[in-house]
Amino acid sequence: MLAVAFLCTSCLNSDDEVVTYEDTAVTAFTLGTVKCYRTVKTAAGKDSTYSYTYSASTLPVYIDQINNRIYNEDSLTVGTDVSRVLTSISTKNNGVALLRNLTDDNWTLYSSSDSIDYSQQRTLRVVSSDGQHAKDYTVDIRVHNEYADSFSWSRMPADAAIASFTEVK
C-alpha cells in the first residue's frame, strides 16, 4: 500500500509545467471589412461622393517568410480607405504580435478588435512564446490609384538623339 501511495503522489503536479517555444512566424493574415468611397457625376453634372463597405477577407494576402513581407499582390479597389482596418493575425506557437507605431519607434500589442492603419507600410513583430526571439515583417497593403478603365496620356519631351535618326523603318 505504501508503494502505491508513493507512485500516485509522484504523478501529482506534473501538469504545472509550461512549454514555451523559440520559433516564431505569422501563419495567417486576413483583412476584414473595409470602407470604399466613390465619386460620381449627378444628372446635374455635379460631383457626388458616396461610400460603401465590402469584405476584403477574400483578397489573398501573401506571407513571404523568406523576405519577411506580408502583402496583397492584387490591389484593393480605388478609393478604399485602409486607415482603419480590422485584421486577423495568427502566429506560430502562440507568439505575441506587436505593431510599430507610425509616429515613433514604440510597439503596440496587436488586438483583433482594434483597427490598424495600413495607409503606409507597417512593421509587424512576432515575439516567440519564450520571449527570447522575434521576427519582423513589413506589411504593405496596396490600393489601386486609378480606375481600371481610365488611362492618361501625356506628351513626352522631344529627345534630340531620336529626332536625329533618318530613314528609320
N, C-alpha and C. Protein backbone atom coordinates (compact mmCIF):
# COMPACT_ATOMS: atom_id res chain seq x y z
N MET A 1 0.81 -1.18 0.00
CA MET A 1 0.00 0.00 0.00
C MET A 1 0.86 1.25 0.00
N LEU A 2 1.97 1.19 0.71
CA LEU A 2 2.87 2.32 0.77
C LEU A 2 3.47 2.61 -0.61
N ALA A 3 3.80 1.58 -1.35
CA ALA A 3 4.36 1.75 -2.69
C ALA A 3 3.34 2.36 -3.63
N VAL A 4 2.08 1.94 -3.55
CA VAL A 4 1.02 2.51 -4.40
C VAL A 4 0.81 3.98 -4.07
N ALA A 5 0.79 4.32 -2.80
CA ALA A 5 0.63 5.71 -2.39
C ALA A 5 1.80 6.55 -2.88
N PHE A 6 3.00 6.01 -2.84
CA PHE A 6 4.18 6.73 -3.31
C PHE A 6 4.11 6.98 -4.82
N LEU A 7 3.70 5.96 -5.57
CA LEU A 7 3.59 6.11 -7.03
C LEU A 7 2.50 7.09 -7.41
N CYS A 8 1.39 7.10 -6.73
CA CYS A 8 0.30 8.02 -7.04
C CYS A 8 0.69 9.47 -6.75
N THR A 9 1.38 9.70 -5.67
CA THR A 9 1.76 11.07 -5.34
C THR A 9 2.88 11.58 -6.23
N SER A 10 3.64 10.72 -6.86
CA SER A 10 4.72 11.18 -7.73
C SER A 10 4.17 11.76 -9.02
N CYS A 11 2.93 11.45 -9.38
CA CYS A 11 2.32 11.96 -10.61
C CYS A 11 1.60 13.28 -10.40
N LEU A 12 1.41 13.70 -9.15
CA LEU A 12 0.71 14.94 -8.89
C LEU A 12 1.56 16.13 -9.32
N ASN A 13 0.90 17.21 -9.71
CA ASN A 13 1.55 18.46 -10.12
C ASN A 13 2.41 18.32 -11.38
N SER A 14 2.21 17.27 -12.16
CA SER A 14 3.00 17.12 -13.38
C SER A 14 2.47 18.01 -14.49
N ASP A 15 1.24 18.55 -14.37
CA ASP A 15 0.66 19.40 -15.40
C ASP A 15 1.01 20.87 -15.21
N ASP A 16 1.81 21.21 -14.21
CA ASP A 16 2.15 22.59 -13.95
C ASP A 16 3.25 23.11 -14.86
N GLU A 17 3.89 22.25 -15.62
CA GLU A 17 4.99 22.65 -16.47
C GLU A 17 4.46 23.41 -17.69
N VAL A 18 5.01 24.58 -17.97
CA VAL A 18 4.62 25.39 -19.11
C VAL A 18 5.65 25.19 -20.20
N VAL A 19 5.17 24.86 -21.39
CA VAL A 19 6.07 24.63 -22.52
C VAL A 19 6.11 25.90 -23.35
N THR A 20 7.30 26.42 -23.61
CA THR A 20 7.47 27.58 -24.47
C THR A 20 8.32 27.18 -25.67
N TYR A 21 8.19 27.96 -26.73
CA TYR A 21 8.88 27.65 -27.98
C TYR A 21 9.72 28.84 -28.39
N GLU A 22 10.80 28.57 -29.09
CA GLU A 22 11.65 29.66 -29.55
C GLU A 22 11.38 30.03 -31.00
N ASP A 23 10.71 29.19 -31.76
CA ASP A 23 10.42 29.53 -33.14
C ASP A 23 9.17 30.41 -33.22
N THR A 24 9.13 31.28 -34.23
CA THR A 24 8.04 32.22 -34.35
C THR A 24 7.82 32.58 -35.80
N ALA A 25 6.57 32.87 -36.15
CA ALA A 25 6.22 33.25 -37.52
C ALA A 25 4.75 33.67 -37.56
N VAL A 26 4.40 34.43 -38.58
CA VAL A 26 3.00 34.73 -38.86
C VAL A 26 2.50 33.58 -39.73
N THR A 27 1.40 32.95 -39.33
CA THR A 27 0.88 31.81 -40.08
C THR A 27 -0.36 32.17 -40.90
N ALA A 28 -1.06 33.22 -40.52
CA ALA A 28 -2.24 33.65 -41.27
C ALA A 28 -2.45 35.15 -41.09
N PHE A 29 -2.91 35.80 -42.16
CA PHE A 29 -3.14 37.25 -42.14
C PHE A 29 -4.35 37.52 -43.02
N THR A 30 -5.43 38.03 -42.42
CA THR A 30 -6.66 38.27 -43.16
C THR A 30 -7.19 39.66 -42.85
N LEU A 31 -7.58 40.38 -43.90
CA LEU A 31 -8.18 41.69 -43.74
C LEU A 31 -9.67 41.54 -43.51
N GLY A 32 -10.26 42.47 -42.79
CA GLY A 32 -11.70 42.43 -42.52
C GLY A 32 -12.47 43.30 -43.50
N THR A 33 -13.54 43.91 -43.02
CA THR A 33 -14.39 44.77 -43.83
C THR A 33 -13.72 46.14 -43.97
N VAL A 34 -13.72 46.67 -45.20
CA VAL A 34 -13.12 47.97 -45.47
C VAL A 34 -14.16 48.90 -46.07
N LYS A 35 -13.92 50.18 -45.93
CA LYS A 35 -14.83 51.20 -46.46
C LYS A 35 -14.24 51.76 -47.75
N CYS A 36 -15.10 51.97 -48.73
CA CYS A 36 -14.66 52.48 -50.03
C CYS A 36 -15.49 53.72 -50.38
N TYR A 37 -14.84 54.73 -50.94
CA TYR A 37 -15.50 55.97 -51.34
C TYR A 37 -15.46 56.09 -52.85
N ARG A 38 -16.59 56.47 -53.46
CA ARG A 38 -16.70 56.67 -54.91
C ARG A 38 -17.22 58.07 -55.18
N THR A 39 -16.68 58.69 -56.22
CA THR A 39 -17.17 59.98 -56.66
C THR A 39 -17.79 59.80 -58.04
N VAL A 40 -19.03 60.22 -58.18
CA VAL A 40 -19.75 60.10 -59.45
C VAL A 40 -20.36 61.45 -59.80
N LYS A 41 -20.75 61.58 -61.05
CA LYS A 41 -21.43 62.80 -61.51
C LYS A 41 -22.93 62.58 -61.40
N THR A 42 -23.60 63.59 -60.86
CA THR A 42 -25.06 63.52 -60.78
C THR A 42 -25.64 63.91 -62.13
N ALA A 43 -26.96 63.80 -62.28
CA ALA A 43 -27.63 64.20 -63.52
C ALA A 43 -27.41 65.68 -63.81
N ALA A 44 -27.22 66.46 -62.77
CA ALA A 44 -26.99 67.90 -62.92
C ALA A 44 -25.53 68.21 -63.25
N GLY A 45 -24.66 67.18 -63.28
CA GLY A 45 -23.26 67.39 -63.62
C GLY A 45 -22.37 67.71 -62.43
N LYS A 46 -22.90 67.61 -61.23
CA LYS A 46 -22.11 67.90 -60.04
C LYS A 46 -21.51 66.60 -59.49
N ASP A 47 -20.37 66.76 -58.81
CA ASP A 47 -19.74 65.60 -58.18
C ASP A 47 -20.50 65.21 -56.92
N SER A 48 -20.66 63.91 -56.72
CA SER A 48 -21.30 63.39 -55.53
C SER A 48 -20.48 62.21 -55.03
N THR A 49 -20.22 62.18 -53.74
CA THR A 49 -19.42 61.09 -53.16
C THR A 49 -20.31 60.23 -52.28
N TYR A 50 -20.20 58.93 -52.46
CA TYR A 50 -20.91 58.00 -51.60
C TYR A 50 -19.93 56.95 -51.11
N SER A 51 -20.29 56.25 -50.06
CA SER A 51 -19.41 55.22 -49.52
C SER A 51 -20.17 53.92 -49.37
N TYR A 52 -19.42 52.85 -49.38
CA TYR A 52 -19.97 51.51 -49.14
C TYR A 52 -18.88 50.67 -48.50
N THR A 53 -19.25 49.56 -47.94
CA THR A 53 -18.27 48.66 -47.33
C THR A 53 -18.27 47.34 -48.08
N TYR A 54 -17.14 46.69 -48.06
CA TYR A 54 -17.04 45.35 -48.63
C TYR A 54 -16.02 44.54 -47.85
N SER A 55 -16.15 43.25 -47.93
CA SER A 55 -15.27 42.36 -47.19
C SER A 55 -14.00 42.11 -48.00
N ALA A 56 -12.87 42.40 -47.41
CA ALA A 56 -11.58 42.16 -48.06
C ALA A 56 -11.00 40.82 -47.64
N SER A 57 -11.79 40.03 -46.93
CA SER A 57 -11.28 38.75 -46.43
C SER A 57 -11.01 37.74 -47.55
N THR A 58 -11.66 37.93 -48.71
CA THR A 58 -11.42 37.01 -49.82
C THR A 58 -10.19 37.39 -50.63
N LEU A 59 -9.66 38.59 -50.40
CA LEU A 59 -8.46 39.03 -51.10
C LEU A 59 -7.25 38.25 -50.58
N PRO A 60 -6.52 37.59 -51.47
CA PRO A 60 -5.36 36.85 -50.98
C PRO A 60 -4.25 37.78 -50.48
N VAL A 61 -3.79 37.52 -49.29
CA VAL A 61 -2.67 38.24 -48.71
C VAL A 61 -1.54 37.23 -48.54
N TYR A 62 -0.40 37.54 -49.12
CA TYR A 62 0.73 36.61 -49.13
C TYR A 62 1.67 36.88 -47.96
N ILE A 63 2.16 35.82 -47.38
CA ILE A 63 3.15 35.90 -46.30
C ILE A 63 4.43 35.31 -46.84
N ASP A 64 5.41 36.16 -47.11
CA ASP A 64 6.70 35.74 -47.64
C ASP A 64 7.64 35.55 -46.45
N GLN A 65 7.82 34.30 -46.03
CA GLN A 65 8.64 34.01 -44.85
C GLN A 65 10.13 34.22 -45.11
N ILE A 66 10.56 34.12 -46.35
CA ILE A 66 11.98 34.29 -46.67
C ILE A 66 12.39 35.76 -46.59
N ASN A 67 11.57 36.64 -47.19
CA ASN A 67 11.88 38.06 -47.21
C ASN A 67 11.17 38.84 -46.11
N ASN A 68 10.43 38.15 -45.25
CA ASN A 68 9.72 38.78 -44.12
C ASN A 68 8.79 39.89 -44.59
N ARG A 69 7.94 39.55 -45.56
CA ARG A 69 6.98 40.52 -46.11
C ARG A 69 5.58 39.94 -46.06
N ILE A 70 4.61 40.81 -45.84
CA ILE A 70 3.20 40.47 -45.93
C ILE A 70 2.59 41.51 -46.87
N TYR A 71 1.94 41.05 -47.94
CA TYR A 71 1.44 41.97 -48.95
C TYR A 71 0.29 41.36 -49.73
N ASN A 72 -0.49 42.23 -50.37
CA ASN A 72 -1.53 41.79 -51.28
C ASN A 72 -1.05 42.06 -52.70
N GLU A 73 -0.99 41.01 -53.51
CA GLU A 73 -0.49 41.15 -54.87
C GLU A 73 -1.50 41.90 -55.74
N ASP A 74 -2.78 41.61 -55.55
CA ASP A 74 -3.83 42.31 -56.28
C ASP A 74 -4.36 43.43 -55.40
N SER A 75 -4.18 44.66 -55.86
CA SER A 75 -4.54 45.83 -55.05
C SER A 75 -6.02 45.90 -54.76
N LEU A 76 -6.35 46.56 -53.67
CA LEU A 76 -7.75 46.82 -53.32
C LEU A 76 -8.34 47.84 -54.28
N THR A 77 -9.65 47.94 -54.32
CA THR A 77 -10.37 48.82 -55.22
C THR A 77 -10.00 50.29 -54.99
N VAL A 78 -10.03 51.08 -56.05
CA VAL A 78 -9.76 52.51 -55.96
C VAL A 78 -10.70 53.14 -54.93
N GLY A 79 -10.18 54.01 -54.09
CA GLY A 79 -10.99 54.71 -53.11
C GLY A 79 -11.15 53.97 -51.79
N THR A 80 -10.53 52.80 -51.65
CA THR A 80 -10.64 52.04 -50.41
C THR A 80 -9.85 52.74 -49.31
N ASP A 81 -10.48 52.89 -48.18
CA ASP A 81 -9.84 53.53 -47.02
C ASP A 81 -9.18 52.43 -46.18
N VAL A 82 -7.86 52.39 -46.18
CA VAL A 82 -7.14 51.38 -45.42
C VAL A 82 -6.55 51.96 -44.13
N SER A 83 -7.08 53.09 -43.70
CA SER A 83 -6.56 53.71 -42.47
C SER A 83 -7.21 53.13 -41.22
N ARG A 84 -8.28 52.35 -41.37
CA ARG A 84 -8.96 51.72 -40.23
C ARG A 84 -9.47 50.35 -40.67
N VAL A 85 -8.63 49.34 -40.54
CA VAL A 85 -8.99 48.00 -40.99
C VAL A 85 -8.82 47.01 -39.84
N LEU A 86 -9.87 46.26 -39.57
CA LEU A 86 -9.75 45.16 -38.62
C LEU A 86 -9.01 44.02 -39.31
N THR A 87 -8.07 43.43 -38.62
CA THR A 87 -7.22 42.40 -39.20
C THR A 87 -7.15 41.20 -38.28
N SER A 88 -7.12 40.03 -38.89
CA SER A 88 -6.93 38.80 -38.12
C SER A 88 -5.52 38.28 -38.40
N ILE A 89 -4.72 38.18 -37.35
CA ILE A 89 -3.33 37.72 -37.47
C ILE A 89 -3.14 36.50 -36.58
N SER A 90 -2.67 35.41 -37.17
CA SER A 90 -2.37 34.20 -36.40
C SER A 90 -0.86 33.99 -36.39
N THR A 91 -0.34 33.51 -35.26
CA THR A 91 1.10 33.29 -35.13
C THR A 91 1.38 31.85 -34.75
N LYS A 92 2.59 31.43 -35.00
CA LYS A 92 3.01 30.07 -34.68
C LYS A 92 3.28 29.95 -33.19
N ASN A 93 2.82 28.87 -32.59
CA ASN A 93 3.08 28.55 -31.18
C ASN A 93 2.71 29.69 -30.23
N ASN A 94 1.60 30.36 -30.50
CA ASN A 94 1.09 31.43 -29.64
C ASN A 94 2.08 32.57 -29.44
N GLY A 95 2.79 32.92 -30.51
CA GLY A 95 3.67 34.08 -30.44
C GLY A 95 2.86 35.35 -30.26
N VAL A 96 3.48 36.39 -29.76
CA VAL A 96 2.81 37.66 -29.50
C VAL A 96 3.09 38.62 -30.65
N ALA A 97 2.02 39.19 -31.24
CA ALA A 97 2.15 40.12 -32.36
C ALA A 97 2.16 41.55 -31.85
N LEU A 98 3.11 42.34 -32.35
CA LEU A 98 3.24 43.76 -31.99
C LEU A 98 3.33 44.57 -33.28
N LEU A 99 2.81 45.79 -33.26
CA LEU A 99 2.90 46.70 -34.40
C LEU A 99 3.71 47.93 -34.01
N ARG A 100 4.63 48.32 -34.90
CA ARG A 100 5.40 49.55 -34.64
C ARG A 100 4.48 50.74 -34.90
N ASN A 101 4.50 51.71 -34.00
CA ASN A 101 3.69 52.92 -34.14
C ASN A 101 4.13 53.70 -35.37
N LEU A 102 3.20 54.47 -35.93
CA LEU A 102 3.52 55.28 -37.11
C LEU A 102 4.31 56.53 -36.74
N THR A 103 4.15 57.01 -35.51
CA THR A 103 4.76 58.28 -35.12
C THR A 103 6.09 58.14 -34.39
N ASP A 104 6.35 56.96 -33.82
CA ASP A 104 7.61 56.76 -33.10
C ASP A 104 8.02 55.30 -33.22
N ASP A 105 9.09 54.93 -32.55
CA ASP A 105 9.61 53.57 -32.64
C ASP A 105 9.08 52.65 -31.54
N ASN A 106 8.02 53.04 -30.88
CA ASN A 106 7.42 52.19 -29.85
C ASN A 106 6.54 51.13 -30.49
N TRP A 107 6.26 50.08 -29.73
CA TRP A 107 5.47 48.96 -30.22
C TRP A 107 4.15 48.89 -29.47
N THR A 108 3.09 48.51 -30.19
CA THR A 108 1.76 48.36 -29.61
C THR A 108 1.32 46.91 -29.77
N LEU A 109 0.76 46.36 -28.73
CA LEU A 109 0.27 44.99 -28.76
C LEU A 109 -0.89 44.87 -29.74
N TYR A 110 -0.85 43.88 -30.62
CA TYR A 110 -1.91 43.65 -31.60
C TYR A 110 -3.17 43.16 -30.88
N SER A 111 -4.31 43.70 -31.30
CA SER A 111 -5.61 43.26 -30.79
C SER A 111 -6.53 43.08 -31.99
N SER A 112 -7.20 41.96 -32.06
CA SER A 112 -8.09 41.69 -33.20
C SER A 112 -9.31 42.59 -33.20
N SER A 113 -9.59 43.27 -32.10
CA SER A 113 -10.75 44.16 -32.03
C SER A 113 -10.37 45.62 -32.26
N ASP A 114 -9.10 45.90 -32.55
CA ASP A 114 -8.64 47.27 -32.78
C ASP A 114 -8.24 47.41 -34.24
N SER A 115 -8.68 48.48 -34.88
CA SER A 115 -8.36 48.68 -36.29
C SER A 115 -6.90 49.12 -36.45
N ILE A 116 -6.35 48.83 -37.63
CA ILE A 116 -4.95 49.13 -37.94
C ILE A 116 -4.90 50.05 -39.15
N ASP A 117 -3.98 51.01 -39.13
CA ASP A 117 -3.79 51.94 -40.24
C ASP A 117 -2.76 51.37 -41.21
N TYR A 118 -3.21 51.00 -42.42
CA TYR A 118 -2.32 50.49 -43.46
C TYR A 118 -2.11 51.50 -44.58
N SER A 119 -2.32 52.80 -44.31
CA SER A 119 -2.14 53.81 -45.34
C SER A 119 -0.67 53.95 -45.74
N GLN A 120 0.21 53.41 -44.95
CA GLN A 120 1.63 53.32 -45.30
C GLN A 120 2.16 51.98 -44.78
N GLN A 121 3.35 51.62 -45.23
CA GLN A 121 3.91 50.34 -44.79
C GLN A 121 4.04 50.30 -43.28
N ARG A 122 3.77 49.13 -42.72
CA ARG A 122 3.86 48.94 -41.28
C ARG A 122 4.87 47.84 -40.98
N THR A 123 5.39 47.84 -39.77
CA THR A 123 6.27 46.77 -39.32
C THR A 123 5.53 45.98 -38.24
N LEU A 124 5.44 44.68 -38.47
CA LEU A 124 4.80 43.76 -37.55
C LEU A 124 5.88 42.88 -36.95
N ARG A 125 5.93 42.80 -35.63
CA ARG A 125 6.91 41.96 -34.95
C ARG A 125 6.18 40.83 -34.23
N VAL A 126 6.70 39.62 -34.39
CA VAL A 126 6.15 38.47 -33.68
C VAL A 126 7.22 37.99 -32.72
N VAL A 127 6.89 37.97 -31.43
CA VAL A 127 7.81 37.54 -30.38
C VAL A 127 7.43 36.10 -30.01
N SER A 128 8.43 35.25 -29.92
CA SER A 128 8.20 33.84 -29.60
C SER A 128 7.60 33.69 -28.20
N SER A 129 7.01 32.53 -27.95
CA SER A 129 6.36 32.32 -26.66
C SER A 129 7.36 32.27 -25.50
N ASP A 130 8.65 32.02 -25.79
CA ASP A 130 9.63 32.06 -24.71
C ASP A 130 10.15 33.48 -24.47
N GLY A 131 9.75 34.42 -25.33
CA GLY A 131 10.12 35.82 -25.15
C GLY A 131 11.55 36.15 -25.54
N GLN A 132 12.30 35.21 -26.07
CA GLN A 132 13.71 35.42 -26.38
C GLN A 132 13.98 35.68 -27.87
N HIS A 133 13.03 35.39 -28.73
CA HIS A 133 13.25 35.51 -30.17
C HIS A 133 12.13 36.34 -30.79
N ALA A 134 12.46 37.03 -31.88
CA ALA A 134 11.47 37.85 -32.57
C ALA A 134 11.74 37.84 -34.06
N LYS A 135 10.70 38.09 -34.83
CA LYS A 135 10.81 38.17 -36.28
C LYS A 135 9.97 39.36 -36.74
N ASP A 136 10.56 40.25 -37.54
CA ASP A 136 9.87 41.43 -38.04
C ASP A 136 9.41 41.21 -39.47
N TYR A 137 8.21 41.68 -39.78
CA TYR A 137 7.64 41.62 -41.12
C TYR A 137 7.29 43.03 -41.58
N THR A 138 7.47 43.30 -42.86
CA THR A 138 7.00 44.54 -43.46
C THR A 138 5.63 44.26 -44.06
N VAL A 139 4.62 45.00 -43.62
CA VAL A 139 3.25 44.80 -44.11
C VAL A 139 2.93 45.92 -45.09
N ASP A 140 2.55 45.54 -46.31
CA ASP A 140 2.25 46.51 -47.37
C ASP A 140 0.89 46.15 -47.98
N ILE A 141 -0.14 46.89 -47.62
CA ILE A 141 -1.48 46.69 -48.18
C ILE A 141 -1.67 47.73 -49.28
N ARG A 142 -1.80 47.27 -50.51
CA ARG A 142 -1.85 48.16 -51.67
C ARG A 142 -3.28 48.46 -52.10
N VAL A 143 -3.47 49.69 -52.60
CA VAL A 143 -4.76 50.15 -53.11
C VAL A 143 -4.51 50.74 -54.49
N HIS A 144 -5.40 50.40 -55.46
CA HIS A 144 -5.28 50.99 -56.80
C HIS A 144 -5.37 52.51 -56.70
N ASN A 145 -4.60 53.21 -57.54
CA ASN A 145 -4.61 54.67 -57.54
C ASN A 145 -5.52 55.25 -58.61
N GLU A 146 -5.85 54.46 -59.63
CA GLU A 146 -6.74 54.94 -60.67
C GLU A 146 -7.63 53.80 -61.14
N TYR A 147 -8.77 54.18 -61.71
CA TYR A 147 -9.73 53.18 -62.15
C TYR A 147 -9.15 52.36 -63.29
N ALA A 148 -9.59 51.13 -63.38
CA ALA A 148 -9.02 50.19 -64.35
C ALA A 148 -9.27 50.62 -65.79
N ASP A 149 -10.37 51.29 -66.08
CA ASP A 149 -10.68 51.67 -67.46
C ASP A 149 -10.32 53.12 -67.79
N SER A 150 -9.48 53.75 -66.99
CA SER A 150 -9.07 55.13 -67.27
C SER A 150 -7.56 55.18 -67.50
N PHE A 151 -7.21 55.82 -68.60
CA PHE A 151 -5.80 55.97 -68.93
C PHE A 151 -5.51 57.43 -69.20
N SER A 152 -4.36 57.87 -68.80
CA SER A 152 -3.94 59.24 -69.04
C SER A 152 -2.72 59.22 -69.95
N TRP A 153 -2.81 59.96 -71.04
CA TRP A 153 -1.68 60.07 -71.95
C TRP A 153 -1.11 61.47 -71.83
N SER A 154 0.19 61.56 -71.81
CA SER A 154 0.83 62.87 -71.78
C SER A 154 1.99 62.87 -72.76
N ARG A 155 2.22 64.03 -73.35
CA ARG A 155 3.28 64.16 -74.33
C ARG A 155 4.62 64.18 -73.62
N MET A 156 5.53 63.36 -74.08
CA MET A 156 6.87 63.31 -73.53
C MET A 156 7.74 64.35 -74.22
N PRO A 157 8.75 64.87 -73.55
CA PRO A 157 9.63 65.85 -74.19
C PRO A 157 10.38 65.19 -75.35
N ALA A 158 10.67 66.00 -76.36
CA ALA A 158 11.37 65.50 -77.55
C ALA A 158 12.80 65.11 -77.17
N ASP A 159 13.26 64.00 -77.72
CA ASP A 159 14.61 63.52 -77.49
C ASP A 159 15.44 63.82 -78.73
N ALA A 160 16.48 64.64 -78.61
CA ALA A 160 17.29 65.07 -79.75
C ALA A 160 17.97 63.89 -80.43
N ALA A 161 18.39 62.89 -79.68
CA ALA A 161 19.08 61.73 -80.27
C ALA A 161 18.12 60.95 -81.19
N ILE A 162 16.89 60.81 -80.78
CA ILE A 162 15.94 60.07 -81.59
C ILE A 162 15.50 60.93 -82.79
N ALA A 163 15.36 62.23 -82.61
CA ALA A 163 14.97 63.12 -83.70
C ALA A 163 16.02 63.17 -84.80
N SER A 164 17.26 62.89 -84.49
CA SER A 164 18.33 62.95 -85.49
C SER A 164 18.38 61.72 -86.40
N PHE A 165 17.64 60.69 -86.07
CA PHE A 165 17.63 59.49 -86.92
C PHE A 165 16.98 59.81 -88.28
N THR A 166 17.55 59.25 -89.33
CA THR A 166 16.96 59.41 -90.67
C THR A 166 16.72 58.03 -91.25
N GLU A 167 15.73 57.95 -92.08
CA GLU A 167 15.37 56.73 -92.78
C GLU A 167 15.13 55.56 -91.80
N VAL A 168 14.41 55.84 -90.74
CA VAL A 168 14.07 54.81 -89.75
C VAL A 168 12.85 54.05 -90.23
N LYS A 169 12.89 52.73 -90.20
CA LYS A 169 11.75 51.93 -90.62
C LYS A 169 11.20 51.18 -89.45
